[in-house]
Amino acid sequence: MFDVRWEQWLDAAESWIPFFESVAALKDFDVANALKTLSLVESSDLDAVGKLKVNAGGKGVRAPGPFEPGNKSVALLAPGFGRGAKSGLLVPYSPLREA
């Protein structure tokens, strides 16, 4: 599935120019704000990310429930990086199944 999409994206490379120009124009380090500005997440996704807890080791942020392929899981994981700081990376993760 990804292979097919990758080829389609490459074939339509010129259509991505405005998007990457928007990315290049970002001036802020705020991951969540950048994703919202680029219309990659919704406000409800950002609200949910704000409720995620940092794990006991202080290196990760666990998304609720098991990972489900699709936009909703990615919409939680992507802004999860924003829970960290420039000098303190937090990696968002979601288990493949409930423990």
N, C-alpha and C. Protein backbone atom coordinates (compact mmCIF):
# COMPACT_ATOMS: atom_id res chain seq x y z
N MET A 1 0.83 -1.20 0.00
CA MET A 1 0.00 0.00 0.00
C MET A 1 0.87 1.26 0.00
N PHE A 2 1.84 1.31 0.90
CA PHE A 2 2.71 2.49 0.95
C PHE A 2 3.50 2.62 -0.35
N ASP A 3 3.96 1.49 -0.89
CA ASP A 3 4.73 1.51 -2.13
C ASP A 3 3.95 2.18 -3.26
N VAL A 4 2.68 1.84 -3.35
CA VAL A 4 1.84 2.41 -4.40
C VAL A 4 1.68 3.91 -4.19
N ARG A 5 1.41 4.30 -2.95
CA ARG A 5 1.24 5.73 -2.66
C ARG A 5 2.54 6.49 -2.91
N TRP A 6 3.66 5.90 -2.52
CA TRP A 6 4.96 6.55 -2.71
C TRP A 6 5.18 6.86 -4.19
N GLU A 7 4.90 5.91 -5.05
CA GLU A 7 5.05 6.13 -6.49
C GLU A 7 4.12 7.24 -6.98
N GLN A 8 2.90 7.27 -6.46
CA GLN A 8 1.95 8.32 -6.85
C GLN A 8 2.46 9.69 -6.40
N TRP A 9 2.99 9.76 -5.18
CA TRP A 9 3.52 11.02 -4.67
C TRP A 9 4.69 11.50 -5.52
N LEU A 10 5.56 10.57 -5.89
CA LEU A 10 6.70 10.93 -6.73
C LEU A 10 6.26 11.41 -8.10
N ASP A 11 5.26 10.77 -8.67
CA ASP A 11 4.75 11.17 -9.97
C ASP A 11 4.12 12.56 -9.93
N ALA A 12 3.62 12.96 -8.76
CA ALA A 12 2.97 14.27 -8.60
C ALA A 12 3.84 15.22 -7.78
N ALA A 13 5.15 15.10 -7.92
CA ALA A 13 6.09 15.87 -7.08
C ALA A 13 5.84 17.38 -7.15
N GLU A 14 5.51 17.90 -8.31
CA GLU A 14 5.30 19.35 -8.44
C GLU A 14 4.12 19.84 -7.61
N SER A 15 3.14 18.99 -7.40
CA SER A 15 1.97 19.41 -6.61
C SER A 15 2.32 19.58 -5.13
N TRP A 16 3.47 19.04 -4.69
CA TRP A 16 3.90 19.16 -3.30
C TRP A 16 4.69 20.45 -3.03
N ILE A 17 5.07 21.16 -4.07
CA ILE A 17 5.89 22.36 -3.88
C ILE A 17 5.25 23.36 -2.93
N PRO A 18 3.97 23.72 -3.08
CA PRO A 18 3.38 24.68 -2.13
C PRO A 18 3.42 24.20 -0.68
N PHE A 19 3.21 22.90 -0.48
CA PHE A 19 3.24 22.36 0.88
C PHE A 19 4.64 22.54 1.49
N PHE A 20 5.67 22.15 0.76
CA PHE A 20 7.03 22.26 1.30
C PHE A 20 7.48 23.70 1.44
N GLU A 21 6.95 24.60 0.62
CA GLU A 21 7.22 26.02 0.82
C GLU A 21 6.60 26.50 2.13
N SER A 22 5.40 25.99 2.45
CA SER A 22 4.76 26.33 3.72
C SER A 22 5.57 25.79 4.90
N VAL A 23 6.10 24.59 4.76
CA VAL A 23 6.94 24.02 5.81
C VAL A 23 8.19 24.88 5.99
N ALA A 24 8.81 25.28 4.90
CA ALA A 24 10.03 26.09 4.97
C ALA A 24 9.77 27.45 5.60
N ALA A 25 8.55 27.95 5.49
CA ALA A 25 8.21 29.27 6.03
C ALA A 25 7.92 29.26 7.52
N LEU A 26 7.79 28.07 8.12
CA LEU A 26 7.51 28.00 9.56
C LEU A 26 8.64 28.62 10.35
N LYS A 27 8.30 29.42 11.34
CA LYS A 27 9.31 30.10 12.16
C LYS A 27 9.32 29.60 13.59
N ASP A 28 8.34 28.82 13.98
CA ASP A 28 8.15 28.42 15.36
C ASP A 28 8.58 26.96 15.56
N PHE A 29 9.06 26.64 16.75
CA PHE A 29 9.45 25.27 17.06
C PHE A 29 8.27 24.45 17.58
N ASP A 30 7.14 25.06 17.78
CA ASP A 30 5.97 24.38 18.34
C ASP A 30 5.41 23.36 17.35
N VAL A 31 5.65 22.07 17.61
CA VAL A 31 5.24 21.00 16.71
C VAL A 31 3.74 21.00 16.50
N ALA A 32 2.98 21.06 17.58
CA ALA A 32 1.53 21.00 17.49
C ALA A 32 0.99 22.17 16.66
N ASN A 33 1.51 23.37 16.90
CA ASN A 33 1.07 24.53 16.15
C ASN A 33 1.41 24.39 14.67
N ALA A 34 2.60 23.87 14.38
CA ALA A 34 3.01 23.67 12.98
C ALA A 34 2.08 22.69 12.28
N LEU A 35 1.76 21.58 12.94
CA LEU A 35 0.87 20.59 12.34
C LEU A 35 -0.52 21.17 12.11
N LYS A 36 -0.99 21.99 13.04
CA LYS A 36 -2.30 22.64 12.89
C LYS A 36 -2.26 23.65 11.74
N THR A 37 -1.20 24.46 11.68
CA THR A 37 -1.05 25.45 10.62
C THR A 37 -1.04 24.79 9.24
N LEU A 38 -0.42 23.63 9.15
CA LEU A 38 -0.33 22.91 7.88
C LEU A 38 -1.56 22.03 7.60
N SER A 39 -2.58 22.14 8.47
CA SER A 39 -3.83 21.38 8.33
C SER A 39 -3.60 19.86 8.34
N LEU A 40 -2.63 19.43 9.15
CA LEU A 40 -2.33 18.00 9.25
C LEU A 40 -3.00 17.35 10.44
N VAL A 41 -3.48 18.15 11.40
CA VAL A 41 -4.23 17.64 12.55
C VAL A 41 -5.38 18.59 12.84
N GLU A 42 -6.33 18.09 13.60
CA GLU A 42 -7.47 18.90 14.01
C GLU A 42 -7.31 19.30 15.47
N SER A 43 -8.06 20.28 15.91
CA SER A 43 -7.99 20.74 17.30
C SER A 43 -8.28 19.60 18.27
N SER A 44 -9.20 18.71 17.92
CA SER A 44 -9.53 17.59 18.80
C SER A 44 -8.33 16.66 18.98
N ASP A 45 -7.53 16.50 17.92
CA ASP A 45 -6.32 15.68 18.03
C ASP A 45 -5.34 16.32 19.01
N LEU A 46 -5.19 17.63 18.92
CA LEU A 46 -4.26 18.33 19.81
C LEU A 46 -4.75 18.28 21.26
N ASP A 47 -6.06 18.36 21.46
CA ASP A 47 -6.61 18.23 22.81
C ASP A 47 -6.29 16.86 23.39
N ALA A 48 -6.42 15.82 22.57
CA ALA A 48 -6.14 14.46 23.03
C ALA A 48 -4.66 14.29 23.36
N VAL A 49 -3.79 14.88 22.57
CA VAL A 49 -2.34 14.78 22.81
C VAL A 49 -1.97 15.45 24.12
N GLY A 50 -2.63 16.55 24.44
CA GLY A 50 -2.35 17.25 25.69
C GLY A 50 -2.64 16.40 26.92
N LYS A 51 -3.45 15.37 26.77
CA LYS A 51 -3.81 14.50 27.89
C LYS A 51 -2.91 13.27 27.99
N LEU A 52 -2.04 13.06 27.00
CA LEU A 52 -1.16 11.89 27.04
C LEU A 52 -0.14 12.03 28.16
N LYS A 53 0.16 10.93 28.78
CA LYS A 53 1.09 10.91 29.91
C LYS A 53 2.48 10.49 29.46
N VAL A 54 3.49 11.14 30.04
CA VAL A 54 4.88 10.76 29.80
C VAL A 54 5.12 9.46 30.57
N ASN A 55 5.82 8.50 29.95
CA ASN A 55 6.04 7.22 30.61
C ASN A 55 7.01 7.36 31.78
N ALA A 56 7.09 6.33 32.59
CA ALA A 56 7.89 6.37 33.82
C ALA A 56 9.35 6.67 33.57
N GLY A 57 9.89 6.24 32.44
CA GLY A 57 11.29 6.50 32.13
C GLY A 57 11.54 7.92 31.65
N GLY A 58 10.48 8.66 31.38
CA GLY A 58 10.62 10.04 30.96
C GLY A 58 11.14 10.22 29.54
N LYS A 59 11.04 9.18 28.72
CA LYS A 59 11.57 9.27 27.35
C LYS A 59 10.49 9.12 26.29
N GLY A 60 9.29 8.73 26.70
CA GLY A 60 8.24 8.48 25.73
C GLY A 60 6.88 8.96 26.19
N VAL A 61 5.98 9.06 25.24
CA VAL A 61 4.59 9.45 25.49
C VAL A 61 3.73 8.36 24.84
N ARG A 62 2.94 7.67 25.66
CA ARG A 62 2.15 6.55 25.16
C ARG A 62 0.77 7.02 24.74
N ALA A 63 0.42 6.70 23.49
CA ALA A 63 -0.92 6.98 23.00
C ALA A 63 -1.87 5.93 23.55
N PRO A 64 -3.12 6.27 23.76
CA PRO A 64 -4.07 5.30 24.32
C PRO A 64 -4.43 4.22 23.31
N GLY A 65 -4.66 3.03 23.82
CA GLY A 65 -5.12 1.92 23.00
C GLY A 65 -4.06 1.41 22.04
N PRO A 66 -4.38 0.33 21.36
CA PRO A 66 -3.43 -0.22 20.40
C PRO A 66 -3.39 0.61 19.12
N PHE A 67 -2.29 0.51 18.41
CA PHE A 67 -2.13 1.22 17.14
C PHE A 67 -3.09 0.65 16.12
N GLU A 68 -3.81 1.51 15.45
CA GLU A 68 -4.69 1.13 14.35
C GLU A 68 -4.20 1.85 13.11
N PRO A 69 -3.88 1.12 12.05
CA PRO A 69 -3.41 1.80 10.83
C PRO A 69 -4.44 2.82 10.37
N GLY A 70 -4.00 4.01 10.13
CA GLY A 70 -4.90 5.05 9.65
C GLY A 70 -4.54 6.41 10.20
N ASN A 71 -5.25 7.39 9.75
CA ASN A 71 -4.95 8.78 10.09
C ASN A 71 -5.12 9.11 11.56
N LYS A 72 -6.09 8.49 12.23
CA LYS A 72 -6.36 8.86 13.62
C LYS A 72 -5.18 8.52 14.53
N SER A 73 -4.61 7.33 14.38
CA SER A 73 -3.44 6.97 15.20
C SER A 73 -2.26 7.88 14.91
N VAL A 74 -2.03 8.16 13.64
CA VAL A 74 -0.92 9.03 13.26
C VAL A 74 -1.16 10.46 13.77
N ALA A 75 -2.42 10.89 13.76
CA ALA A 75 -2.76 12.24 14.24
C ALA A 75 -2.47 12.38 15.73
N LEU A 76 -2.43 11.28 16.48
CA LEU A 76 -2.05 11.33 17.89
C LEU A 76 -0.53 11.24 18.05
N LEU A 77 0.09 10.42 17.24
CA LEU A 77 1.53 10.22 17.39
C LEU A 77 2.34 11.43 16.91
N ALA A 78 2.00 11.99 15.79
CA ALA A 78 2.79 13.09 15.23
C ALA A 78 2.91 14.28 16.19
N PRO A 79 1.80 14.83 16.72
CA PRO A 79 1.96 15.95 17.64
C PRO A 79 2.50 15.54 19.00
N GLY A 80 2.56 14.24 19.26
CA GLY A 80 3.13 13.76 20.52
C GLY A 80 4.59 14.18 20.69
N PHE A 81 5.29 14.38 19.58
CA PHE A 81 6.67 14.86 19.65
C PHE A 81 6.73 16.25 20.29
N GLY A 82 5.65 17.00 20.18
CA GLY A 82 5.58 18.34 20.75
C GLY A 82 5.55 18.36 22.26
N ARG A 83 5.36 17.22 22.89
CA ARG A 83 5.37 17.14 24.34
C ARG A 83 6.78 17.26 24.89
N GLY A 84 7.78 17.08 24.03
CA GLY A 84 9.17 17.21 24.44
C GLY A 84 9.65 18.64 24.30
N ALA A 85 10.95 18.82 24.38
CA ALA A 85 11.56 20.13 24.24
C ALA A 85 12.80 20.00 23.36
N LYS A 86 13.39 21.12 22.99
CA LYS A 86 14.57 21.09 22.13
C LYS A 86 15.67 20.22 22.72
N SER A 87 15.84 20.25 24.00
CA SER A 87 16.90 19.45 24.62
C SER A 87 16.38 18.20 25.32
N GLY A 88 15.10 17.91 25.17
CA GLY A 88 14.51 16.75 25.85
C GLY A 88 13.49 16.05 24.98
N LEU A 89 13.97 15.25 24.04
CA LEU A 89 13.09 14.54 23.13
C LEU A 89 12.20 13.54 23.87
N LEU A 90 10.93 13.58 23.58
CA LEU A 90 9.97 12.56 24.02
C LEU A 90 9.43 11.90 22.77
N VAL A 91 9.46 10.58 22.74
CA VAL A 91 9.02 9.85 21.56
C VAL A 91 7.63 9.28 21.80
N PRO A 92 6.66 9.69 20.98
CA PRO A 92 5.32 9.13 21.11
C PRO A 92 5.29 7.71 20.57
N TYR A 93 4.53 6.84 21.22
CA TYR A 93 4.42 5.47 20.76
C TYR A 93 3.05 4.92 21.09
N SER A 94 2.70 3.88 20.38
CA SER A 94 1.44 3.19 20.59
C SER A 94 1.72 1.71 20.44
N PRO A 95 1.28 0.89 21.40
CA PRO A 95 1.52 -0.55 21.29
C PRO A 95 0.73 -1.14 20.14
N LEU A 96 1.21 -2.25 19.62
CA LEU A 96 0.49 -2.92 18.55
C LEU A 96 -0.80 -3.58 19.06
N ARG A 97 -0.79 -3.96 20.33
CA ARG A 97 -1.99 -4.54 20.95
C ARG A 97 -1.94 -4.21 22.43
N GLU A 98 -3.10 -4.29 23.08
CA GLU A 98 -3.16 -4.01 24.53
C GLU A 98 -2.35 -5.04 25.31
N ALA A 99 -1.67 -4.56 26.32
CA ALA A 99 -0.86 -5.47 27.16
C ALA A 99 -1.72 -6.15 28.19
